[in-house]
PDB file of N, CA and C in Angstrom:
ATOM      1  N   SER A   1       2.248   6.804   9.602  1.00  0.00           N
ATOM      2  CA  SER A   1       1.866   5.637   9.953  1.00  0.00           C
ATOM      3  C   SER A   1       2.334   4.325   9.095  1.00  0.00           C
ATOM      4  N   SER A   2       2.703   3.263   9.581  1.00  0.00           N
ATOM      5  CA  SER A   2       2.868   2.312   8.531  1.00  0.00           C
ATOM      6  C   SER A   2       1.887   1.261   7.953  1.00  0.00           C
ATOM      7  N   LYS A   3       0.678   1.584   8.729  1.00  0.00           N
ATOM      8  CA  LYS A   3      -0.587   0.765   8.428  1.00  0.00           C
ATOM      9  C   LYS A   3      -1.634   1.563   7.846  1.00  0.00           C
ATOM     10  N   HIS A   4      -2.581   0.925   7.079  1.00  0.00           N
ATOM     11  CA  HIS A   4      -3.594   1.541   6.505  1.00  0.00           C
ATOM     12  C   HIS A   4      -4.547   2.139   7.678  1.00  0.00           C
ATOM     13  N   SER A   5      -4.792   1.368   8.897  1.00  0.00           N
ATOM     14  CA  SER A   5      -5.566   1.602  10.042  1.00  0.00           C
ATOM     15  C   SER A   5      -5.059   2.779  10.676  1.00  0.00           C
ATOM     16  N   GLY A   6      -3.737   2.999  10.686  1.00  0.00           N
ATOM     17  CA  GLY A   6      -3.227   3.887  11.558  1.00  0.00           C
ATOM     18  C   GLY A   6      -3.357   5.309  10.444  1.00  0.00           C
ATOM     19  N   VAL A   7      -3.295   5.166   9.311  1.00  0.00           N
ATOM     20  CA  VAL A   7      -3.488   6.487   8.457  1.00  0.00           C
ATOM     21  C   VAL A   7      -5.062   6.957   8.542  1.00  0.00           C
ATOM     22  N   MET A   8      -5.967   5.902   8.678  1.00  0.00           N
ATOM     23  CA  MET A   8      -7.244   6.151   8.895  1.00  0.00           C
ATOM     24  C   MET A   8      -7.418   6.820  10.165  1.00  0.00           C
ATOM     25  N   SER A   9      -7.033   6.469  11.221  1.00  0.00           N
ATOM     26  CA  SER A   9      -7.062   6.937  12.434  1.00  0.00           C
ATOM     27  C   SER A   9      -6.410   8.424  12.677  1.00  0.00           C
ATOM     28  N   LEU A  10      -5.112   8.585  11.970  1.00  0.00           N
ATOM     29  CA  LEU A  10      -4.699  10.038  11.955  1.00  0.00           C
ATOM     30  C   LEU A  10      -5.526  10.935  10.902  1.00  0.00           C
ATOM     31  N   PHE A  11      -5.934  10.619   9.899  1.00  0.00           N
ATOM     32  CA  PHE A  11      -6.884  11.153   8.972  1.00  0.00           C
ATOM     33  C   PHE A  11      -8.213  11.648   9.879  1.00  0.00           C
ATOM     34  N   ASN A  12      -8.780  10.798  10.709  1.00  0.00           N
ATOM     35  CA  ASN A  12      -9.840  10.963  11.519  1.00  0.00           C
ATOM     36  C   ASN A  12      -9.557  12.241  12.555  1.00  0.00           C
ATOM     37  N   GLN A  13      -8.469  11.874  13.310  1.00  0.00           N
ATOM     38  CA  GLN A  13      -8.130  12.933  14.251  1.00  0.00           C
ATOM     39  C   GLN A  13      -7.913  14.283  13.466  1.00  0.00           C
ATOM     40  N   HIS A  14      -7.194  14.366  12.489  1.00  0.00           N
ATOM     41  CA  HIS A  14      -6.684  15.683  11.998  1.00  0.00           C
ATOM     42  C   HIS A  14      -7.438  16.245  11.077  1.00  0.00           C
ATOM     43  N   PHE A  15      -8.586  15.499  10.546  1.00  0.00           N
ATOM     44  CA  PHE A  15      -9.384  16.373   9.574  1.00  0.00           C
ATOM     45  C   PHE A  15     -10.953  16.263   9.660  1.00  0.00           C
ATOM     46  N   ILE A  16     -11.271  14.987  10.406  1.00  0.00           N
ATOM     47  CA  ILE A  16     -12.664  14.758  10.612  1.00  0.00           C
ATOM     48  C   ILE A  16     -13.123  15.443  12.012  1.00  0.00           C
ATOM     49  N   LYS A  17     -12.414  15.172  12.945  1.00  0.00           N
ATOM     50  CA  LYS A  17     -12.678  15.657  14.180  1.00  0.00           C
ATOM     51  C   LYS A  17     -12.434  17.193  14.285  1.00  0.00           C
ATOM     52  N   THR A  18     -11.887  17.830  13.464  1.00  0.00           N
ATOM     53  CA  THR A  18     -11.542  19.131  13.380  1.00  0.00           C
ATOM     54  C   THR A  18     -12.459  20.015  12.377  1.00  0.00           C
ATOM     55  N   GLY A  19     -13.248  18.977  11.710  1.00  0.00           N
ATOM     56  CA  GLY A  19     -14.426  19.717  10.727  1.00  0.00           C
ATOM     57  C   GLY A  19     -13.796  20.086   9.378  1.00  0.00           C
ATOM     58  N   ILE A  20     -12.416  19.699   9.084  1.00  0.00           N
ATOM     59  CA  ILE A  20     -12.139  20.238   8.059  1.00  0.00           C
ATOM     60  C   ILE A  20     -12.693  19.474   6.694  1.00  0.00           C
ATOM     61  N   VAL A  21     -12.999  18.119   6.955  1.00  0.00           N
ATOM     62  CA  VAL A  21     -13.454  17.109   5.998  1.00  0.00           C
ATOM     63  C   VAL A  21     -14.728  16.710   6.754  1.00  0.00           C
ATOM     64  N   SER A  22     -15.699  16.345   5.951  1.00  0.00           N
ATOM     65  CA  SER A  22     -16.982  15.880   6.566  1.00  0.00           C
ATOM     66  C   SER A  22     -17.015  14.361   6.902  1.00  0.00           C
ATOM     67  N   GLU A  23     -17.628  13.914   7.919  1.00  0.00           N
ATOM     68  CA  GLU A  23     -17.577  12.728   8.456  1.00  0.00           C
ATOM     69  C   GLU A  23     -18.129  11.774   7.342  1.00  0.00           C
ATOM     70  N   ILE A  24     -18.931  12.191   6.435  1.00  0.00           N
ATOM     71  CA  ILE A  24     -19.394  11.472   5.415  1.00  0.00           C
ATOM     72  C   ILE A  24     -18.485  11.013   4.498  1.00  0.00           C
ATOM     73  N   SER A  25     -17.538  11.729   4.349  1.00  0.00           N
ATOM     74  CA  SER A  25     -16.292  11.416   3.481  1.00  0.00           C
ATOM     75  C   SER A  25     -15.439  10.350   4.158  1.00  0.00           C
ATOM     76  N   PHE A  26     -15.242  10.461   5.310  1.00  0.00           N
ATOM     77  CA  PHE A  26     -14.788   9.585   6.140  1.00  0.00           C
ATOM     78  C   PHE A  26     -15.293   8.166   5.885  1.00  0.00           C
ATOM     79  N   LYS A  27     -16.651   8.258   6.052  1.00  0.00           N
ATOM     80  CA  LYS A  27     -17.379   6.961   6.018  1.00  0.00           C
ATOM     81  C   LYS A  27     -17.180   6.236   4.672  1.00  0.00           C
ATOM     82  N   SER A  28     -17.060   7.220   3.605  1.00  0.00           N
ATOM     83  CA  SER A  28     -16.969   6.607   2.604  1.00  0.00           C
ATOM     84  C   SER A  28     -15.621   5.889   2.411  1.00  0.00           C
ATOM     85  N   VAL A  29     -14.623   6.605   2.729  1.00  0.00           N
ATOM     86  CA  VAL A  29     -13.264   6.026   2.589  1.00  0.00           C
ATOM     87  C   VAL A  29     -13.187   4.938   3.522  1.00  0.00           C
ATOM     88  N   GLN A  30     -13.905   4.692   4.501  1.00  0.00           N
ATOM     89  CA  GLN A  30     -13.648   3.519   5.510  1.00  0.00           C
ATOM     90  C   GLN A  30     -14.456   2.206   4.645  1.00  0.00           C
ATOM     91  N   ALA A  31     -15.567   2.688   4.062  1.00  0.00           N
ATOM     92  CA  ALA A  31     -16.257   1.629   3.299  1.00  0.00           C
ATOM     93  C   ALA A  31     -15.368   1.172   2.128  1.00  0.00           C
ATOM     94  N   LEU A  32     -14.588   1.934   1.406  1.00  0.00           N
ATOM     95  CA  LEU A  32     -13.684   1.506   0.578  1.00  0.00           C
ATOM     96  C   LEU A  32     -12.531   0.639   1.154  1.00  0.00           C
ATOM     97  N   MET A  33     -11.995   1.204   2.022  1.00  0.00           N
ATOM     98  CA  MET A  33     -10.745   0.345   2.875  1.00  0.00           C
ATOM     99  C   MET A  33     -11.434  -1.015   3.373  1.00  0.00           C
ATOM    100  N   ASP A  34     -12.713  -1.023   3.566  1.00  0.00           N
ATOM    101  CA  ASP A  34     -13.260  -2.487   4.138  1.00  0.00           C
ATOM    102  C   ASP A  34     -13.398  -3.286   2.963  1.00  0.00           C
ATOM    103  N   LEU A  35     -13.820  -2.869   1.795  1.00  0.00           N
ATOM    104  CA  LEU A  35     -13.836  -3.693   0.584  1.00  0.00           C
ATOM    105  C   LEU A  35     -12.510  -3.968   0.148  1.00  0.00           C
ATOM    106  N   ARG A  36     -11.431  -3.062   0.108  1.00  0.00           N
ATOM    107  CA  ARG A  36     -10.038  -3.408  -0.236  1.00  0.00           C
ATOM    108  C   ARG A  36      -9.655  -4.479   0.899  1.00  0.00           C
ATOM    109  N   HIS A  37      -9.911  -4.554   1.829  1.00  0.00           N
ATOM    110  CA  HIS A  37      -9.382  -5.490   2.968  1.00  0.00           C
ATOM    111  C   HIS A  37     -10.036  -6.791   2.708  1.00  0.00           C
ATOM    112  N   GLU A  38     -11.342  -6.867   2.508  1.00  0.00           N
ATOM    113  CA  GLU A  38     -12.046  -8.063   1.901  1.00  0.00           C
ATOM    114  C   GLU A  38     -11.260  -8.615   0.781  1.00  0.00           C
ATOM    115  N   GLY A  39     -11.036  -7.994  -0.148  1.00  0.00           N
ATOM    116  CA  GLY A  39     -10.481  -8.522  -1.424  1.00  0.00           C
ATOM    117  C   GLY A  39      -9.240  -8.937  -1.171  1.00  0.00           C
ATOM    118  N   ASP A  40      -8.261  -8.115  -0.311  1.00  0.00           N
ATOM    119  CA  ASP A  40      -6.932  -8.588   0.004  1.00  0.00           C
ATOM    120  C   ASP A  40      -6.882  -9.741   0.837  1.00  0.00           C
ATOM    121  N   TYR A  41      -7.534  -9.955   1.849  1.00  0.00           N
ATOM    122  CA  TYR A  41      -7.407 -10.993   2.978  1.00  0.00           C
ATOM    123  C   TYR A  41      -8.193 -11.977   3.050  1.00  0.00           C
ATOM    124  N   GLN A  42      -9.428 -11.870   2.750  1.00  0.00           N
ATOM    125  CA  GLN A  42     -10.376 -12.988   2.730  1.00  0.00           C
ATOM    126  C   GLN A  42     -10.311 -13.956   1.552  1.00  0.00           C
ATOM    127  N   ASP A  43     -10.027 -15.299   2.092  1.00  0.00           N
ATOM    128  CA  ASP A  43     -10.049 -16.280   0.916  1.00  0.00           C
ATOM    129  C   ASP A  43     -11.354 -16.433   0.399  1.00  0.00           C
ATOM    130  N   PHE A  44     -11.285 -16.382  -1.104  1.00  0.00           N
ATOM    131  CA  PHE A  44     -12.460 -16.655  -1.734  1.00  0.00           C
ATOM    132  C   PHE A  44     -13.528 -15.555  -1.769  1.00  0.00           C
ATOM    133  N   ALA A  45     -13.105 -14.067  -1.486  1.00  0.00           N
ATOM    134  CA  ALA A  45     -13.742 -12.939  -1.464  1.00  0.00           C
ATOM    135  C   ALA A  45     -14.664 -13.053  -2.699  1.00  0.00           C
ATOM    136  N   LYS A  46     -15.811 -12.522  -2.575  1.00  0.00           N
ATOM    137  CA  LYS A  46     -16.736 -12.393  -3.706  1.00  0.00           C
ATOM    138  C   LYS A  46     -17.136 -10.792  -3.913  1.00  0.00           C
ATOM    139  N   ILE A  47     -16.325 -10.174  -4.626  1.00  0.00           N
ATOM    140  CA  ILE A  47     -16.666  -8.819  -5.034  1.00  0.00           C
ATOM    141  C   ILE A  47     -17.224  -8.632  -6.333  1.00  0.00           C
ATOM    142  N   THR A  48     -18.561  -8.193  -6.403  1.00  0.00           N
ATOM    143  CA  THR A  48     -19.133  -8.175  -7.654  1.00  0.00           C
ATOM    144  C   THR A  48     -18.796  -6.946  -8.551  1.00  0.00           C
ATOM    145  N   GLU A  49     -18.909  -7.047  -9.924  1.00  0.00           N
ATOM    146  CA  GLU A  49     -18.375  -6.000 -10.508  1.00  0.00           C
ATOM    147  C   GLU A  49     -19.308  -4.817 -10.276  1.00  0.00           C
ATOM    148  N   GLU A  50     -20.382  -4.972  -9.772  1.00  0.00           N
ATOM    149  CA  GLU A  50     -21.462  -3.673  -9.382  1.00  0.00           C
ATOM    150  C   GLU A  50     -20.575  -3.036  -8.163  1.00  0.00           C
ATOM    151  N   GLU A  51     -20.185  -3.944  -7.208  1.00  0.00           N
ATOM    152  CA  GLU A  51     -19.498  -3.377  -6.119  1.00  0.00           C
ATOM    153  C   GLU A  51     -18.084  -2.642  -6.339  1.00  0.00           C
ATOM    154  N   ALA A  52     -17.542  -3.275  -7.462  1.00  0.00           N
ATOM    155  CA  ALA A  52     -16.130  -2.553  -7.639  1.00  0.00           C
ATOM    156  C   ALA A  52     -16.488  -1.169  -8.325  1.00  0.00           C
ATOM    157  N   LYS A  53     -17.441  -1.307  -9.364  1.00  0.00           N
ATOM    158  CA  LYS A  53     -17.709  -0.069 -10.164  1.00  0.00           C
ATOM    159  C   LYS A  53     -18.275   1.212  -9.195  1.00  0.00           C
ATOM    160  N   GLY A  54     -18.900   0.569  -8.073  1.00  0.00           N
ATOM    161  CA  GLY A  54     -19.455   1.611  -7.224  1.00  0.00           C
ATOM    162  C   GLY A  54     -18.310   2.148  -6.452  1.00  0.00           C
ATOM    163  N   ALA A  55     -17.544   1.076  -6.262  1.00  0.00           N
ATOM    164  CA  ALA A  55     -16.307   1.778  -5.284  1.00  0.00           C
ATOM    165  C   ALA A  55     -15.385   2.813  -6.002  1.00  0.00           C
ATOM    166  N   VAL A  56     -15.208   2.433  -7.342  1.00  0.00           N
ATOM    167  CA  VAL A  56     -14.524   3.544  -8.247  1.00  0.00           C
ATOM    168  C   VAL A  56     -15.072   4.919  -8.263  1.00  0.00           C
ATOM    169  N   GLU A  57     -16.557   4.715  -8.392  1.00  0.00           N
ATOM    170  CA  GLU A  57     -17.233   6.086  -8.551  1.00  0.00           C
ATOM    171  C   GLU A  57     -17.171   6.908  -6.976  1.00  0.00           C
ATOM    172  N   THR A  58     -17.311   6.121  -6.073  1.00  0.00           N
ATOM    173  CA  THR A  58     -17.189   6.650  -4.764  1.00  0.00           C
ATOM    174  C   THR A  58     -15.843   7.262  -4.586  1.00  0.00           C
ATOM    175  N   ALA A  59     -14.669   6.445  -4.881  1.00  0.00           N
ATOM    176  CA  ALA A  59     -13.282   6.959  -4.760  1.00  0.00           C
ATOM    177  C   ALA A  59     -13.208   8.235  -5.643  1.00  0.00           C
ATOM    178  N   LYS A  60     -13.771   8.236  -6.846  1.00  0.00           N
ATOM    179  CA  LYS A  60     -13.547   9.637  -7.564  1.00  0.00           C
ATOM    180  C   LYS A  60     -14.345  10.782  -7.059  1.00  0.00           C
ATOM    181  N   ILE A  61     -15.402  10.488  -6.260  1.00  0.00           N
ATOM    182  CA  ILE A  61     -16.176  11.718  -5.602  1.00  0.00           C
ATOM    183  C   ILE A  61     -15.488  12.032  -4.357  1.00  0.00           C
ATOM    184  N   VAL A  62     -14.989  11.072  -3.745  1.00  0.00           N
ATOM    185  CA  VAL A  62     -13.933  11.582  -2.431  1.00  0.00           C
ATOM    186  C   VAL A  62     -12.611  12.293  -2.781  1.00  0.00           C
ATOM    187  N   ILE A  63     -12.192  11.913  -3.921  1.00  0.00           N
ATOM    188  CA  ILE A  63     -10.718  12.364  -4.410  1.00  0.00           C
ATOM    189  C   ILE A  63     -11.040  13.732  -4.810  1.00  0.00           C
ATOM    190  N   THR A  64     -12.127  14.211  -5.443  1.00  0.00           N
ATOM    191  CA  THR A  64     -12.508  15.420  -6.000  1.00  0.00           C
ATOM    192  C   THR A  64     -12.689  16.305  -4.740  1.00  0.00           C
ATOM    193  N   MET A  65     -13.550  15.691  -3.849  1.00  0.00           N
ATOM    194  CA  MET A  65     -13.750  16.699  -2.733  1.00  0.00           C
ATOM    195  C   MET A  65     -12.431  16.886  -1.937  1.00  0.00           C
ATOM    196  N   LEU A  66     -11.684  15.935  -1.769  1.00  0.00           N
ATOM    197  CA  LEU A  66     -10.497  16.302  -0.761  1.00  0.00           C
ATOM    198  C   LEU A  66      -9.572  17.128  -1.514  1.00  0.00           C
ATOM    199  N   LYS A  67      -9.534  17.123  -2.951  1.00  0.00           N
ATOM    200  CA  LYS A  67      -8.660  18.069  -3.636  1.00  0.00           C
ATOM    201  C   LYS A  67      -9.360  19.396  -3.272  1.00  0.00           C
ATOM    202  N   GLU A  68     -10.439  19.781  -3.473  1.00  0.00           N
ATOM    203  CA  GLU A  68     -11.059  21.079  -3.387  1.00  0.00           C
ATOM    204  C   GLU A  68     -10.921  21.515  -1.822  1.00  0.00           C
ATOM    205  N   THR A  69     -11.124  20.590  -0.920  1.00  0.00           N
ATOM    206  CA  THR A  69     -10.943  21.018   0.400  1.00  0.00           C
ATOM    207  C   THR A  69      -9.521  21.474   0.580  1.00  0.00           C
ATOM    208  N   PHE A  70      -8.291  20.481   0.098  1.00  0.00           N
ATOM    209  CA  PHE A  70      -7.080  21.100   0.288  1.00  0.00           C
ATOM    210  C   PHE A  70      -6.633  22.295  -0.345  1.00  0.00           C
ATOM    211  N   GLU A  71      -7.404  22.395  -1.647  1.00  0.00           N
ATOM    212  CA  GLU A  71      -6.925  23.678  -2.346  1.00  0.00           C
ATOM    213  C   GLU A  71      -7.520  25.125  -1.518  1.00  0.00           C
ATOM    214  N   LYS A  72      -8.605  24.892  -0.883  1.00  0.00           N
ATOM    215  CA  LYS A  72      -9.110  25.935  -0.123  1.00  0.00           C
ATOM    216  C   LYS A  72      -8.200  26.299   1.116  1.00  0.00           C
ATOM    217  N   ILE A  73      -7.575  24.952   1.799  1.00  0.00           N
ATOM    218  CA  ILE A  73      -6.713  25.349   2.807  1.00  0.00           C
ATOM    219  C   ILE A  73      -5.334  25.863   2.308  1.00  0.00           C
ATOM    220  N   LYS A  74      -5.043  25.527   1.180  1.00  0.00           N
ATOM    221  CA  LYS A  74      -3.691  26.276   0.413  1.00  0.00           C
ATOM    222  C   LYS A  74      -4.143  27.779   0.309  1.00  0.00           C
ATOM    223  N   GLU A  75      -5.144  28.045  -0.087  1.00  0.00           N
ATOM    224  CA  GLU A  75      -5.500  29.592  -0.446  1.00  0.00           C
ATOM    225  C   GLU A  75      -5.593  30.316   0.717  1.00  0.00           C
ATOM    226  N   SER A  76      -5.972  29.819   2.080  1.00  0.00           N
ATOM    227  CA  SER A  76      -6.272  30.643   3.073  1.00  0.00           C
ATOM    228  C   SER A  76      -4.836  30.574   4.139  1.00  0.00           C
TER     229      SER A  76
END
């Protein structure tokens, strides 16, 4: 897909609905995408330092979880 929304839709279809990745992870990624969209496309977006730090921590957790999940898939 050429758009972020398309990638999220495919991720949901192939990994969330099949149970490979938890829905909580998807919701975390969606929240990160929403924050990114706000920063990129809304005039005068106000994203606080606290929100940015929280987003970075959430991203680290999701990346770690996805790496572990994909390692398990590779091993099976």
